[in-house]
Each structure stands twice: as C-alpha cells, then as structure tokens.
C-alpha atoms as a PDB file:
ATOM      1  CA  MET A   1      43.671 -64.820 -10.856  1.00  0.00           C
ATOM      2  CA  LYS A   2      44.866 -62.774 -13.807  1.00  0.00           C
ATOM      3  CA  THR A   3      44.032 -65.419 -16.392  1.00  0.00           C
ATOM      4  CA  PRO A   4      41.190 -67.969 -16.248  1.00  0.00           C
ATOM      5  CA  TYR A   5      43.494 -70.974 -16.431  1.00  0.00           C
ATOM      6  CA  TYR A   6      41.506 -73.322 -14.243  1.00  0.00           C
ATOM      7  CA  GLY A   7      43.949 -76.249 -14.292  1.00  0.00           C
ATOM      8  CA  ASN A   8      46.219 -74.550 -11.775  1.00  0.00           C
ATOM      9  CA  SER A   9      43.298 -73.859  -9.450  1.00  0.00           C
ATOM     10  CA  ARG A  10      42.241 -77.499  -9.489  1.00  0.00           C
ATOM     11  CA  LEU A  11      45.806 -78.692  -8.870  1.00  0.00           C
ATOM     12  CA  PHE A  12      46.197 -76.221  -6.032  1.00  0.00           C
ATOM     13  CA  LEU A  13      42.995 -77.374  -4.326  1.00  0.00           C
ATOM     14  CA  ASN A  14      43.643 -81.061  -4.981  1.00  0.00           C
ATOM     15  CA  THR A  15      47.114 -80.735  -3.439  1.00  0.00           C
ATOM     16  CA  ALA A  16      45.573 -79.168  -0.328  1.00  0.00           C
ATOM     17  CA  ASN A  17      43.181 -82.119  -0.052  1.00  0.00           C
ATOM     18  CA  GLU A  18      45.921 -84.697  -0.589  1.00  0.00           C
ATOM     19  CA  GLN A  19      48.032 -83.082   2.124  1.00  0.00           C
ATOM     20  CA  ARG A  20      45.003 -82.975   4.449  1.00  0.00           C
ATOM     21  CA  CYS A  21      45.245 -79.245   4.928  1.00  0.00           C
ATOM     22  CA  LYS A  22      42.684 -77.600   7.187  1.00  0.00           C
ATOM     23  CA  ALA A  23      42.957 -74.134   5.682  1.00  0.00           C
ATOM     24  CA  ILE A  24      44.176 -72.326   2.581  1.00  0.00           C
ATOM     25  CA  LEU A  25      45.521 -68.803   3.123  1.00  0.00           C
ATOM     26  CA  LEU A  26      45.087 -66.295   0.286  1.00  0.00           C
ATOM     27  CA  PRO A  27      46.534 -62.844   1.142  1.00  0.00           C
ATOM     28  CA  GLY A  28      44.246 -60.700  -1.021  1.00  0.00           C
ATOM     29  CA  ASP A  29      43.755 -59.845  -4.683  1.00  0.00           C
ATOM     30  CA  VAL A  30      41.846 -63.077  -5.148  1.00  0.00           C
ATOM     31  CA  PHE A  31      40.395 -61.383  -8.221  1.00  0.00           C
ATOM     32  CA  ASP A  32      42.110 -58.705 -10.303  1.00  0.00           C
ATOM     33  CA  THR A  33      38.889 -56.685 -10.395  1.00  0.00           C
ATOM     34  CA  PRO A  34      35.980 -56.268  -7.962  1.00  0.00           C
ATOM     35  CA  THR A  35      33.576 -57.032 -10.818  1.00  0.00           C
ATOM     36  CA  PRO A  36      34.757 -60.013 -12.894  1.00  0.00           C
ATOM     37  CA  SER A  37      32.444 -61.437 -15.525  1.00  0.00           C
ATOM     38  CA  TYR A  38      29.510 -63.547 -14.316  1.00  0.00           C
ATOM     39  CA  ARG A  39      30.876 -66.478 -16.297  1.00  0.00           C
ATOM     40  CA  PHE A  40      34.286 -66.292 -14.634  1.00  0.00           C
ATOM     41  CA  PHE A  41      32.810 -65.891 -11.160  1.00  0.00           C
ATOM     42  CA  ALA A  42      30.491 -68.859 -11.699  1.00  0.00           C
ATOM     43  CA  ARG A  43      33.442 -70.983 -12.822  1.00  0.00           C
ATOM     44  CA  VAL A  44      35.475 -70.078  -9.750  1.00  0.00           C
ATOM     45  CA  LEU A  45      32.540 -70.920  -7.519  1.00  0.00           C
ATOM     46  CA  SER A  46      32.007 -74.233  -9.316  1.00  0.00           C
ATOM     47  CA  ILE A  47      35.662 -75.258  -8.833  1.00  0.00           C
ATOM     48  CA  LEU A  48      35.523 -74.387  -5.130  1.00  0.00           C
ATOM     49  CA  ASP A  49      32.323 -76.398  -4.668  1.00  0.00           C
ATOM     50  CA  GLU A  50      33.833 -79.339  -6.526  1.00  0.00           C
ATOM     51  CA  CYS A  51      37.363 -79.431  -5.099  1.00  0.00           C
ATOM     52  CA  LEU A  52      37.392 -77.687  -1.725  1.00  0.00           C
ATOM     53  CA  GLY A  53      35.990 -80.447   0.450  1.00  0.00           C
ATOM     54  CA  ASN A  54      36.245 -79.626   4.162  1.00  0.00           C
ATOM     55  CA  ILE A  55      39.057 -77.101   3.767  1.00  0.00           C
ATOM     56  CA  ARG A  56      38.586 -73.516   4.866  1.00  0.00           C
ATOM     57  CA  VAL A  57      39.680 -70.670   2.581  1.00  0.00           C
ATOM     58  CA  LEU A  58      40.873 -67.712   4.637  1.00  0.00           C
ATOM     59  CA  THR A  59      41.540 -64.443   2.881  1.00  0.00           C
ATOM     60  CA  VAL A  60      41.605 -60.636   3.134  1.00  0.00           C
ATOM     61  CA  TYR A  61      40.794 -57.827   0.728  1.00  0.00           C
ATOM     62  CA  GLY A  62      43.475 -56.588  -1.627  1.00  0.00           C
ATOM     63  CA  GLN A  63      43.057 -53.271  -3.410  1.00  0.00           C
ATOM     64  CA  HIS A  64      41.933 -55.113  -6.562  1.00  0.00           C
ATOM     65  CA  ASP A  65      39.186 -56.839  -4.577  1.00  0.00           C
ATOM     66  CA  MET A  66      37.761 -53.467  -3.536  1.00  0.00           C
ATOM     67  CA  LYS A  67      35.456 -51.102  -5.375  1.00  0.00           C
ATOM     68  CA  TYR A  68      36.246 -47.440  -4.737  1.00  0.00           C
ATOM     69  CA  ARG A  69      38.150 -48.597  -1.624  1.00  0.00           C
ATOM     70  CA  THR A  70      35.054 -50.283  -0.181  1.00  0.00           C
ATOM     71  CA  THR A  71      34.146 -53.962   0.029  1.00  0.00           C
ATOM     72  CA  ASP A  72      30.423 -53.643  -0.731  1.00  0.00           C
ATOM     73  CA  ASN A  73      29.077 -55.158  -3.936  1.00  0.00           C
ATOM     74  CA  THR A  74      32.358 -56.877  -4.835  1.00  0.00           C
ATOM     75  CA  ALA A  75      33.100 -60.361  -6.122  1.00  0.00           C
ATOM     76  CA  LEU A  76      35.113 -61.399  -3.059  1.00  0.00           C
ATOM     77  CA  ASN A  77      32.414 -60.230  -0.688  1.00  0.00           C
ATOM     78  CA  THR A  78      29.850 -62.208  -2.701  1.00  0.00           C
ATOM     79  CA  LEU A  79      32.059 -65.297  -2.763  1.00  0.00           C
ATOM     80  CA  ARG A  80      32.010 -65.692   0.987  1.00  0.00           C
ATOM     81  CA  TYR A  81      28.198 -65.743   0.982  1.00  0.00           C
ATOM     82  CA  ALA A  82      28.098 -68.138  -1.968  1.00  0.00           C
ATOM     83  CA  ASN A  83      30.455 -70.657  -0.343  1.00  0.00           C
ATOM     84  CA  ASN A  84      30.394 -71.216   3.416  1.00  0.00           C
ATOM     85  CA  SER A  85      34.017 -72.398   3.454  1.00  0.00           C
ATOM     86  CA  VAL A  86      35.308 -68.971   2.405  1.00  0.00           C
ATOM     87  CA  ARG A  87      36.016 -66.642   5.321  1.00  0.00           C
ATOM     88  CA  ILE A  88      37.322 -63.077   5.071  1.00  0.00           C
ATOM     89  CA  LEU A  89      39.465 -62.412   8.118  1.00  0.00           C
ATOM     90  CA  ASP A  90      39.300 -59.148  10.006  1.00  0.00           C
ATOM     91  CA  ARG A  91      41.199 -57.536  12.843  1.00  0.00           C
ATOM     92  CA  GLU A  92      39.104 -59.316  15.497  1.00  0.00           C
ATOM     93  CA  GLY A  93      40.683 -62.624  14.541  1.00  0.00           C
ATOM     94  CA  TRP A  94      39.316 -66.130  14.283  1.00  0.00           C
ATOM     95  CA  VAL A  95      40.372 -69.071  16.448  1.00  0.00           C
ATOM     96  CA  PHE A  96      40.489 -72.543  14.944  1.00  0.00           C
ATOM     97  CA  ASP A  97      42.240 -75.597  16.384  1.00  0.00           C
ATOM     98  CA  LYS A  98      44.461 -73.606  18.825  1.00  0.00           C
ATOM     99  CA  VAL A  99      45.495 -71.214  16.071  1.00  0.00           C
ATOM    100  CA  CYS A 100      44.451 -67.556  16.008  1.00  0.00           C
ATOM    101  CA  PHE A 101      44.115 -66.173  12.480  1.00  0.00           C
ATOM    102  CA  THR A 102      44.149 -62.384  12.169  1.00  0.00           C
ATOM    103  CA  GLY A 103      43.400 -60.504   8.964  1.00  0.00           C
ATOM    104  CA  CYS A 104      44.646 -57.140   7.783  1.00  0.00           C
ATOM    105  CA  SER A 105      43.222 -56.089   4.439  1.00  0.00           C
ATOM    106  CA  TRP A 106      44.790 -53.468   2.204  1.00  0.00           C
ATOM    107  CA  ASN A 107      45.260 -50.096   3.903  1.00  0.00           C
ATOM    108  CA  GLU A 108      44.114 -51.400   7.311  1.00  0.00           C
ATOM    109  CA  GLU A 109      45.955 -50.957  10.598  1.00  0.00           C
ATOM    110  CA  LEU A 110      47.495 -53.944  12.354  1.00  0.00           C
ATOM    111  CA  ILE A 111      46.601 -55.214  15.812  1.00  0.00           C
ATOM    112  CA  ALA A 112      48.746 -57.188  18.240  1.00  0.00           C
ATOM    113  CA  PRO A 113      48.706 -61.009  18.311  1.00  0.00           C
ATOM    114  CA  VAL A 114      46.696 -62.835  20.980  1.00  0.00           C
ATOM    115  CA  ARG A 115      48.618 -64.523  23.774  1.00  0.00           C
ATOM    116  CA  GLY A 116      48.275 -68.258  24.275  1.00  0.00           C
ATOM    117  CA  TYR A 117      47.795 -69.164  20.605  1.00  0.00           C
ATOM    118  CA  PHE A 118      49.862 -69.894  17.554  1.00  0.00           C
ATOM    119  CA  ASN A 119      49.320 -66.547  15.845  1.00  0.00           C
ATOM    120  CA  VAL A 120      48.932 -66.265  12.068  1.00  0.00           C
ATOM    121  CA  LEU A 121      48.671 -62.920  10.285  1.00  0.00           C
ATOM    122  CA  LEU A 122      47.237 -62.696   6.790  1.00  0.00           C
ATOM    123  CA  THR A 123      47.956 -59.264   5.324  1.00  0.00           C
ATOM    124  CA  HIS A 124      47.804 -57.454   1.998  1.00  0.00           C
ATOM    125  CA  ARG A 125      50.606 -54.900   2.044  1.00  0.00           C
ATOM    126  CA  MET A 126      53.781 -54.183   0.090  1.00  0.00           C
ATOM    127  CA  LEU A 127      56.509 -56.125   1.879  1.00  0.00           C
ATOM    128  CA  VAL A 128      59.835 -56.706   0.124  1.00  0.00           C
ATOM    129  CA  ASP A 129      63.043 -58.587   0.772  1.00  0.00           C
ATOM    130  CA  LYS A 130      64.746 -55.957  -1.382  1.00  0.00           C
ATOM    131  CA  LYS A 131      63.537 -53.078  -3.522  1.00  0.00           C
ATOM    132  CA  ILE A 132      61.784 -54.196  -6.689  1.00  0.00           C
ATOM    133  CA  TRP A 133      63.175 -51.171  -8.549  1.00  0.00           C
ATOM    134  CA  GLU A 134      65.665 -48.513  -7.491  1.00  0.00           C
ATOM    135  CA  GLY A 135      63.190 -45.675  -6.957  1.00  0.00           C
ATOM    136  CA  GLN A 136      60.513 -47.741  -5.229  1.00  0.00           C
ATOM    137  CA  GLU A 137      58.612 -46.031  -2.404  1.00  0.00           C
ATOM    138  CA  HIS A 138      55.745 -46.981  -0.062  1.00  0.00           C
ATOM    139  CA  PHE A 139      57.009 -50.379   1.052  1.00  0.00           C
ATOM    140  CA  GLU A 140      58.253 -52.117   4.200  1.00  0.00           C
ATOM    141  CA  TYR A 141      61.193 -54.466   4.548  1.00  0.00           C
ATOM    142  CA  ALA A 142      59.912 -57.929   5.419  1.00  0.00           C
ATOM    143  CA  ASP A 143      62.618 -58.808   7.943  1.00  0.00           C
ATOM    144  CA  VAL A 144      61.945 -55.610   9.924  1.00  0.00           C
ATOM    145  CA  PHE A 145      58.187 -56.201   9.730  1.00  0.00           C
ATOM    146  CA  LEU A 146      58.594 -59.770  11.016  1.00  0.00           C
ATOM    147  CA  LYS A 147      60.793 -58.606  13.890  1.00  0.00           C
ATOM    148  CA  ASN A 148      58.442 -55.806  14.951  1.00  0.00           C
ATOM    149  CA  HIS A 149      55.207 -57.807  14.816  1.00  0.00           C
ATOM    150  CA  LYS A 150      55.286 -60.881  17.038  1.00  0.00           C
ATOM    151  CA  PHE A 151      53.257 -63.273  14.920  1.00  0.00           C
ATOM    152  CA  ASP A 152      54.427 -66.870  14.532  1.00  0.00           C
ATOM    153  CA  LEU A 153      53.474 -66.943  10.860  1.00  0.00           C
ATOM    154  CA  ILE A 154      52.878 -64.051   8.462  1.00  0.00           C
ATOM    155  CA  VAL A 155      51.507 -64.540   4.955  1.00  0.00           C
ATOM    156  CA  SER A 156      51.652 -61.378   2.845  1.00  0.00           C
ATOM    157  CA  GLY A 157      50.397 -60.337  -0.559  1.00  0.00           C
ATOM    158  CA  ASP A 158      50.599 -57.355  -2.967  1.00  0.00           C
ATOM    159  CA  ASN A 159      54.209 -58.050  -4.005  1.00  0.00           C
ATOM    160  CA  HIS A 160      54.023 -60.404  -7.016  1.00  0.00           C
ATOM    161  CA  LYS A 161      57.467 -61.868  -6.283  1.00  0.00           C
ATOM    162  CA  TYR A 162      58.108 -64.936  -4.116  1.00  0.00           C
ATOM    163  CA  PHE A 163      60.385 -64.635  -1.096  1.00  0.00           C
ATOM    164  CA  TYR A 164      60.759 -66.063   2.404  1.00  0.00           C
ATOM    165  CA  VAL A 165      62.076 -64.424   5.567  1.00  0.00           C
ATOM    166  CA  GLY A 166      62.634 -66.250   8.845  1.00  0.00           C
ATOM    167  CA  ASN A 167      63.582 -65.157  12.348  1.00  0.00           C
ATOM    168  CA  LYS A 168      65.424 -67.982  14.091  1.00  0.00           C
ATOM    169  CA  ARG A 169      65.434 -66.228  17.436  1.00  0.00           C
ATOM    170  CA  ASN A 170      61.651 -65.952  17.563  1.00  0.00           C
ATOM    171  CA  ARG A 171      61.080 -69.057  15.411  1.00  0.00           C
ATOM    172  CA  SER A 172      58.782 -66.985  13.230  1.00  0.00           C
ATOM    173  CA  HIS A 173      58.211 -67.146   9.479  1.00  0.00           C
ATOM    174  CA  LEU A 174      57.068 -64.789   6.734  1.00  0.00           C
ATOM    175  CA  PHE A 175      56.032 -65.969   3.279  1.00  0.00           C
ATOM    176  CA  ASN A 176      55.210 -63.842   0.257  1.00  0.00           C
ATOM    177  CA  CYS A 177      54.317 -66.344  -2.468  1.00  0.00           C
ATOM    178  CA  GLY A 178      53.672 -63.771  -5.170  1.00  0.00           C
ATOM    179  CA  SER A 179      51.186 -64.233  -7.968  1.00  0.00           C
ATOM    180  CA  MET A 180      49.969 -67.668  -8.993  1.00  0.00           C
ATOM    181  CA  MET A 181      50.717 -66.855 -12.630  1.00  0.00           C
ATOM    182  CA  ARG A 182      52.855 -64.433 -14.631  1.00  0.00           C
ATOM    183  CA  SER A 183      50.973 -61.350 -15.744  1.00  0.00           C
ATOM    184  CA  THR A 184      53.629 -59.049 -17.261  1.00  0.00           C
ATOM    185  CA  ILE A 185      57.050 -59.313 -18.914  1.00  0.00           C
ATOM    186  CA  SER A 186      58.625 -58.274 -15.614  1.00  0.00           C
ATOM    187  CA  GLN A 187      57.779 -61.798 -14.372  1.00  0.00           C
ATOM    188  CA  LEU A 188      59.652 -63.755 -17.033  1.00  0.00           C
ATOM    189  CA  GLU A 189      61.619 -65.634 -14.369  1.00  0.00           C
ATOM    190  CA  HIS A 190      58.774 -65.928 -11.859  1.00  0.00           C
ATOM    191  CA  LYS A 191      58.111 -69.481 -10.642  1.00  0.00           C
ATOM    192  CA  PRO A 192      54.838 -69.667  -8.684  1.00  0.00           C
ATOM    193  CA  VAL A 193      54.786 -71.767  -5.520  1.00  0.00           C
ATOM    194  CA  CYS A 194      52.498 -72.621  -2.650  1.00  0.00           C
ATOM    195  CA  ILE A 195      53.729 -73.368   0.858  1.00  0.00           C
ATOM    196  CA  LEU A 196      52.762 -76.384   2.928  1.00  0.00           C
ATOM    197  CA  PHE A 197      52.926 -75.305   6.575  1.00  0.00           C
ATOM    198  CA  ASP A 198      52.158 -77.281   9.734  1.00  0.00           C
ATOM    199  CA  THR A 199      51.614 -75.200  12.870  1.00  0.00           C
ATOM    200  CA  ASP A 200      52.590 -78.216  15.001  1.00  0.00           C
ATOM    201  CA  SER A 201      56.047 -78.355  13.371  1.00  0.00           C
ATOM    202  CA  PRO A 202      56.583 -74.872  11.901  1.00  0.00           C
ATOM    203  CA  ASP A 203      60.219 -75.378  10.950  1.00  0.00           C
ATOM    204  CA  ASP A 204      59.389 -78.246   8.584  1.00  0.00           C
ATOM    205  CA  TRP A 205      57.559 -76.184   5.955  1.00  0.00           C
ATOM    206  CA  LYS A 206      57.759 -77.195   2.315  1.00  0.00           C
ATOM    207  CA  SER A 207      57.605 -75.266  -0.962  1.00  0.00           C
ATOM    208  CA  ILE A 208      55.489 -76.839  -3.719  1.00  0.00           C
ATOM    209  CA  PRO A 209      55.893 -75.526  -7.301  1.00  0.00           C
ATOM    210  CA  ILE A 210      52.768 -74.553  -9.229  1.00  0.00           C
ATOM    211  CA  PRO A 211      53.220 -75.690 -12.847  1.00  0.00           C
ATOM    212  CA  ILE A 212      52.910 -73.003 -15.521  1.00  0.00           C
ATOM    213  CA  GLU A 213      53.523 -72.851 -19.242  1.00  0.00           C
ATOM    214  CA  THR A 214      56.996 -72.040 -20.501  1.00  0.00           C
ATOM    215  CA  THR A 215      58.054 -68.439 -21.047  1.00  0.00           C
ATOM    216  CA  GLU A 216      58.313 -68.999 -24.806  1.00  0.00           C
ATOM    217  CA  ASP A 217      54.737 -70.298 -24.965  1.00  0.00           C
ATOM    218  CA  VAL A 218      53.306 -67.344 -23.038  1.00  0.00           C
ATOM    219  CA  PHE A 219      55.264 -64.329 -24.273  1.00  0.00           C
ATOM    220  CA  LYS A 220      56.366 -63.178 -27.724  1.00  0.00           C
ATOM    221  CA  MET A 221      60.074 -63.043 -27.001  1.00  0.00           C
ATOM    222  CA  ASP A 222      61.009 -61.212 -30.225  1.00  0.00           C
ATOM    223  CA  GLU A 223      58.689 -58.362 -29.340  1.00  0.00           C
ATOM    224  CA  ILE A 224      60.050 -58.222 -25.794  1.00  0.00           C
ATOM    225  CA  VAL A 225      63.618 -57.876 -27.068  1.00  0.00           C
ATOM    226  CA  SER A 226      62.494 -55.133 -29.463  1.00  0.00           C
ATOM    227  CA  ILE A 227      60.696 -53.252 -26.675  1.00  0.00           C
ATOM    228  CA  LYS A 228      63.739 -53.466 -24.408  1.00  0.00           C
ATOM    229  CA  GLU A 229      65.975 -52.135 -27.171  1.00  0.00           C
ATOM    230  CA  ARG A 230      63.614 -49.212 -27.835  1.00  0.00           C
ATOM    231  CA  ASN A 231      63.417 -48.418 -24.150  1.00  0.00           C
ATOM    232  CA  SER A 232      67.203 -48.500 -23.914  1.00  0.00           C
ATOM    233  CA  ASP A 233      67.541 -46.132 -26.866  1.00  0.00           C
ATOM    234  CA  LEU A 234      64.977 -43.778 -25.375  1.00  0.00           C
ATOM    235  CA  ALA A 235      66.708 -43.815 -21.985  1.00  0.00           C
ATOM    236  CA  SER A 236      70.049 -43.000 -23.639  1.00  0.00           C
ATOM    237  CA  PHE A 237      68.440 -40.213 -25.631  1.00  0.00           C
ATOM    238  CA  ILE A 238      66.893 -38.645 -22.512  1.00  0.00           C
ATOM    239  CA  GLU A 239      70.130 -39.012 -20.571  1.00  0.00           C
ATOM    240  CA  GLY A 240      71.981 -37.302 -23.405  1.00  0.00           C
ATOM    241  CA  LEU A 241      69.552 -34.401 -23.335  1.00  0.00           C
ATOM    242  CA  SER A 242      69.947 -34.000 -19.588  1.00  0.00           C
ATOM    243  CA  ASN A 243      73.742 -33.933 -19.915  1.00  0.00           C
ATOM    244  CA  GLN A 244      73.802 -30.974 -22.298  1.00  0.00           C
ATOM    245  CA  LYS A 245      75.308 -28.094 -20.360  1.00  0.00           C
ATOM    246  CA  GLU A 246      74.969 -25.262 -22.829  1.00  0.00           C
ATOM    247  CA  MET A 247      71.371 -25.022 -23.908  1.00  0.00           C
ATOM    248  CA  GLY A 248      69.109 -22.081 -24.477  1.00  0.00           C
ATOM    249  CA  LEU A 249      65.471 -21.918 -23.508  1.00  0.00           C
ATOM    250  CA  ASN A 250      64.123 -22.847 -26.941  1.00  0.00           C
ATOM    251  CA  PHE A 251      63.152 -26.520 -26.799  1.00  0.00           C
ATOM    252  CA  GLN A 252      62.830 -26.931 -30.566  1.00  0.00           C
ATOM    253  CA  SER A 253      66.317 -25.555 -31.216  1.00  0.00           C
ATOM    254  CA  ASN A 254      67.813 -27.650 -28.426  1.00  0.00           C
ATOM    255  CA  LEU A 255      66.251 -30.852 -29.747  1.00  0.00           C
ATOM    256  CA  LEU A 256      67.288 -30.262 -33.363  1.00  0.00           C
ATOM    257  CA  ASN A 257      70.817 -29.270 -32.341  1.00  0.00           C
ATOM    258  CA  TYR A 258      71.169 -32.409 -30.269  1.00  0.00           C
ATOM    259  CA  ILE A 259      70.111 -34.645 -33.187  1.00  0.00           C
ATOM    260  CA  LYS A 260      72.473 -32.829 -35.549  1.00  0.00           C
ATOM    261  CA  GLU A 261      75.510 -32.821 -33.232  1.00  0.00           C
ATOM    262  CA  ASN A 262      75.162 -36.509 -32.372  1.00  0.00           C
ATOM    263  CA  ASN A 263      74.926 -37.621 -35.998  1.00  0.00           C
ATOM    264  CA  LEU A 264      71.550 -39.279 -35.618  1.00  0.00           C
ATOM    265  CA  ASN A 265      69.596 -40.474 -38.631  1.00  0.00           C
ATOM    266  CA  PRO A 266      68.985 -37.476 -40.955  1.00  0.00           C
ATOM    267  CA  ASP A 267      65.484 -38.766 -41.623  1.00  0.00           C
ATOM    268  CA  ILE A 268      64.684 -38.314 -37.923  1.00  0.00           C
ATOM    269  CA  TYR A 269      65.964 -34.745 -38.091  1.00  0.00           C
ATOM    270  CA  GLU A 270      63.821 -33.887 -41.098  1.00  0.00           C
ATOM    271  CA  LEU A 271      60.751 -35.643 -39.692  1.00  0.00           C
ATOM    272  CA  ILE A 272      60.923 -33.785 -36.345  1.00  0.00           C
ATOM    273  CA  LYS A 273      61.669 -30.493 -38.065  1.00  0.00           C
ATOM    274  CA  GLU A 274      58.693 -30.951 -40.383  1.00  0.00           C
ATOM    275  CA  GLY A 275      56.435 -31.826 -37.487  1.00  0.00           C
ATOM    276  CA  MET A 276      57.483 -28.748 -35.521  1.00  0.00           C
ATOM    277  CA  ASN A 277      56.719 -26.463 -38.431  1.00  0.00           C
ATOM    278  CA  GLU A 278      53.168 -27.726 -38.840  1.00  0.00           C
END
C-alpha cells in the first residue's frame, strides 16, 4: 500500500465478496513501513471492518512489515489483533476446508507441504520469471522454485512485477501479482491484477485487472524523459572514461583532457577547471 488510494482497496474486497471467496492471500509488504501513521492505519482497519465480511485475510511478513528484522511492535502484527479475520501464516501451517496454508515470511526457511491436502504456500521472497535487470543478484527463478517445492499453489511477493508460472506435469501454479499500484517510474507499464483461484478446479483460474489512473495522470512524463536523457549522457560519459587507454594517474588532468579531446561544451571545461582550483 504505497499510496493511500482507498478506492482500489474497496474494489478489491468487494470483488472478493461478490465472487464468494473464502480467503484473500497477501504475500507480505502489506504496508511499506512497520510504523505507518495512526490515521492511515485506522483507515485501513475501518475498510477491512466494513468490506471484509466473512472472508479470511492470510498474509506473511515482508521486509517492509518488519522493524529491525523483527515483527514486534509493527503495524501488521497489530492488525491481526485488531481484526480477527486477519491471520499471519507461519511454518506450522493452517488447515481450512481441506486446504493447508503454509506461510514463509521474508528471510525464513521453507518447510515441506503436508500430504493429503491441497497445499498452498504464501511466501515473501524474490522470485523472477527473468532477471529484472542484467546485474541482478539474490533471486530465484520461479519455474525452478515451483518444480523443487511440491506445493499445489504458490503465491509470492517482493517482486513488484506480475508474472505466472505453471507446471503442467504436477498441475501446480505460481503467481506473483506484483504491487497493487505503481510506485516508481520503473513501473510505467505495470498493470496490477488479482487472481481468482478455486482449489476445487485449479486450472480454471482467472486474472482480474485492478483499475489504476493513467500513466500521464500519475507521472510527469516530461521530467521522466529529461531524467532518462541525463542518465544516458552520464552513462556514455562514464563509458568513455573507462575506454581511455592512455591515462596517467592524475584524475584532474585525465578529466580535463577527456573533455577537451571530445569537444564537449567549453563552459563545462571552464566550470570544472574552476571548481578544481578552489
């Protein structure tokens, strides 16, 4: 919940009621801070009390829900005591209507599924269908994770991008819905969704879009273009510096020579030179 736009929350909960869902699965980072404002927390609690009905909310701790890597004195921990329908899953699991729900919060170890049940894993970890950026580290590929952990349904969080991975052989499914809203310019094309899933007919799942404002209404596109251009210029400048083969050890001389030899704006040359002499 990066932004207190409560309309989406109401729509989300109303949809769950209309579809007669028995549980809502939230894979962590319910809040973007362990200590949101009292006003915001009270509003979230009010919406849950008003719209939740008989539906259970099952969740785990994401790193943003924790305070100094602990769960004490946090908003999510308080929420479960303030509303009896909110349950934070742990590794012991919770059985409801022939379904075993297992939780794995951020930085926790997994346990094996329980035989004889439809097994659902709710986990907050960095799973990807492909690398988010070229140099990304500390992640797991979702298809490998789904193959190695024999759960019927896995719902993951931490990655803000939506993707789905299925294993036809095991008839298992993994959903990473991403964030409910866009929070940075890296999510310009992000389209939030929620998944309607029936454990009695798991192959008939349905994706439901969550309406959001248009990109133009949320972001200042002119500024974004300007930032991208500046970043591109900076990247080219750094790459040019790294490609210089004959350089001495004097950084100031190297920098000024580079500017001079590549015919950059003379004003830049004079400005840097003046700054170095101060």
